[in-house]
Amino acid sequence: MRAGRRRNRVSFERQQTGKSSIGEPIVQWVAFASAWVELVDLSGREVAEKIIEVAKITSRIMMRYRPDIDERCRVVYNGVIYNIVAAQDPDGRRRELILMCERVR
C-alpha cells in the first residue's frame, strides 16, 4: 500500500435514528470517521429514473483497512456524497479496504 496516493480527505457517515421534539421519528446522517483515501472515478452513464435523466458515476476508493466501514455507510468528499455499493478486503489480511461507490448527481 502506497500512502502517497492517498491524498483525498473524506469523511464517513452512518444513519442514526432519533425522535423530534414532538415524537416523530427522524433519520439523519452523522459523521463518525475521516480518512485519507485514493479516489478514482471509473465510469459514467446516463440513467433514466422517473422521467429525469440522472448521471451516475462509479468510483473506487482505496484506503487503509477499517472494520467499521461497510455498505451501510456513505462517503462525503468536498460536499459530494458517494453511496457505498461494496466494501472488500482484497487479500483478507486487513491491510487495505476497497470501496466501490456510486455518486448520483
Protein backbone atom coordinates (compact mmCIF):
# COMPACT_ATOMS: atom_id res chain seq x y z
CA MET A 1 0.00 0.00 0.00
CA ARG A 2 1.42 3.36 -1.00
CA ALA A 3 0.48 6.27 1.27
CA GLY A 4 1.46 8.90 -1.33
CA ARG A 5 -1.57 8.16 -3.47
CA ARG A 6 -3.98 8.70 -0.61
CA ARG A 7 -4.32 12.44 -0.94
CA ASN A 8 -8.09 12.91 -0.65
CA ARG A 9 -9.52 13.55 2.84
CA VAL A 10 -13.04 12.11 3.16
CA SER A 11 -15.50 11.66 5.98
CA PHE A 12 -17.71 8.66 6.62
CA GLU A 13 -21.32 8.95 7.72
CA ARG A 14 -23.76 6.45 9.18
CA GLN A 15 -27.54 6.71 9.56
CA GLN A 16 -28.81 7.49 13.01
CA THR A 17 -32.43 7.44 14.12
CA GLY A 18 -33.95 9.63 16.77
CA LYS A 19 -37.10 11.49 17.66
CA SER A 20 -38.09 15.09 17.16
CA SER A 21 -39.44 17.30 19.94
CA ILE A 22 -42.98 16.18 19.08
CA GLY A 23 -42.09 12.48 18.93
CA GLU A 24 -41.79 11.98 15.17
CA PRO A 25 -39.01 9.61 14.06
CA ILE A 26 -36.03 11.34 12.44
CA VAL A 27 -33.40 9.63 10.32
CA GLN A 28 -30.21 11.62 9.79
CA TRP A 29 -26.67 11.00 8.61
CA VAL A 30 -23.96 11.54 11.24
CA ALA A 31 -20.22 11.71 10.55
CA PHE A 32 -18.26 9.20 12.61
CA ALA A 33 -14.82 8.95 10.98
CA SER A 34 -12.47 10.53 8.45
CA ALA A 35 -9.53 9.14 6.50
CA TRP A 36 -7.04 9.78 3.71
CA VAL A 37 -8.04 7.81 0.61
CA GLU A 38 -7.32 7.40 -3.09
CA LEU A 39 -10.48 8.24 -5.04
CA VAL A 40 -10.74 7.22 -8.71
CA ASP A 41 -13.78 7.76 -10.96
CA LEU A 42 -14.19 4.63 -13.09
CA SER A 43 -17.14 5.24 -15.38
CA GLY A 44 -20.15 7.40 -16.01
CA ARG A 45 -23.51 6.57 -17.54
CA GLU A 46 -26.85 8.23 -18.05
CA VAL A 47 -29.79 6.55 -16.39
CA ALA A 48 -33.43 7.50 -16.83
CA GLU A 49 -35.13 7.46 -13.44
CA LYS A 50 -38.74 8.59 -13.20
CA ILE A 51 -38.51 10.55 -16.46
CA ILE A 52 -35.48 12.51 -15.18
CA GLU A 53 -32.03 12.00 -16.68
CA VAL A 54 -29.54 11.35 -13.88
CA ALA A 55 -25.80 10.92 -14.32
CA LYS A 56 -24.38 8.03 -12.30
CA ILE A 57 -20.66 7.78 -11.78
CA THR A 58 -18.99 4.67 -10.40
CA SER A 59 -15.92 5.33 -8.26
CA ARG A 60 -13.33 3.26 -6.45
CA ILE A 61 -11.98 4.36 -3.08
CA MET A 62 -8.87 2.68 -1.69
CA MET A 63 -7.90 3.20 1.94
CA ARG A 64 -6.34 1.57 4.98
CA TYR A 65 -8.47 -1.18 6.45
CA ARG A 66 -11.16 -0.21 8.94
CA PRO A 67 -13.60 -2.80 10.29
CA ASP A 68 -16.36 -0.21 10.87
CA ILE A 69 -16.73 0.82 7.20
CA ASP A 70 -19.31 -1.16 5.21
CA GLU A 71 -22.25 -0.81 2.83
CA ARG A 72 -24.41 0.87 5.50
CA CYS A 73 -22.10 3.91 5.46
CA ARG A 74 -21.61 6.65 2.91
CA VAL A 75 -18.62 8.79 1.94
CA VAL A 76 -18.56 12.59 1.70
CA TYR A 77 -15.79 14.31 -0.26
CA ASN A 78 -15.91 18.08 -0.94
CA GLY A 79 -19.67 18.12 -0.46
CA VAL A 80 -20.22 15.22 -2.88
CA ILE A 81 -21.89 12.11 -1.48
CA TYR A 82 -20.84 8.61 -2.51
CA ASN A 83 -23.06 5.64 -1.64
CA ILE A 84 -21.00 2.53 -0.86
CA VAL A 85 -22.13 -0.37 -3.05
CA ALA A 86 -19.47 -2.88 -1.92
CA ALA A 87 -16.65 -2.92 0.62
CA GLN A 88 -13.98 -5.59 0.33
CA ASP A 89 -10.67 -6.61 1.83
CA PRO A 90 -8.87 -7.79 -1.34
CA ASP A 91 -6.34 -10.18 0.19
CA GLY A 92 -8.02 -10.95 3.52
CA ARG A 93 -5.08 -9.59 5.52
CA ARG A 94 -6.87 -6.49 6.86
CA ARG A 95 -4.34 -4.06 5.38
CA GLU A 96 -6.40 -2.38 2.68
CA LEU A 97 -10.09 -1.71 2.06
CA ILE A 98 -11.53 -1.13 -1.40
CA LEU A 99 -14.91 0.60 -1.62
CA MET A 100 -16.94 0.50 -4.81
CA CYS A 101 -19.15 3.59 -4.70
CA GLU A 102 -21.77 5.32 -6.76
CA ARG A 103 -22.12 9.08 -6.95
CA VAL A 104 -25.54 10.36 -8.00
CA ARG A 105 -25.88 13.93 -9.19
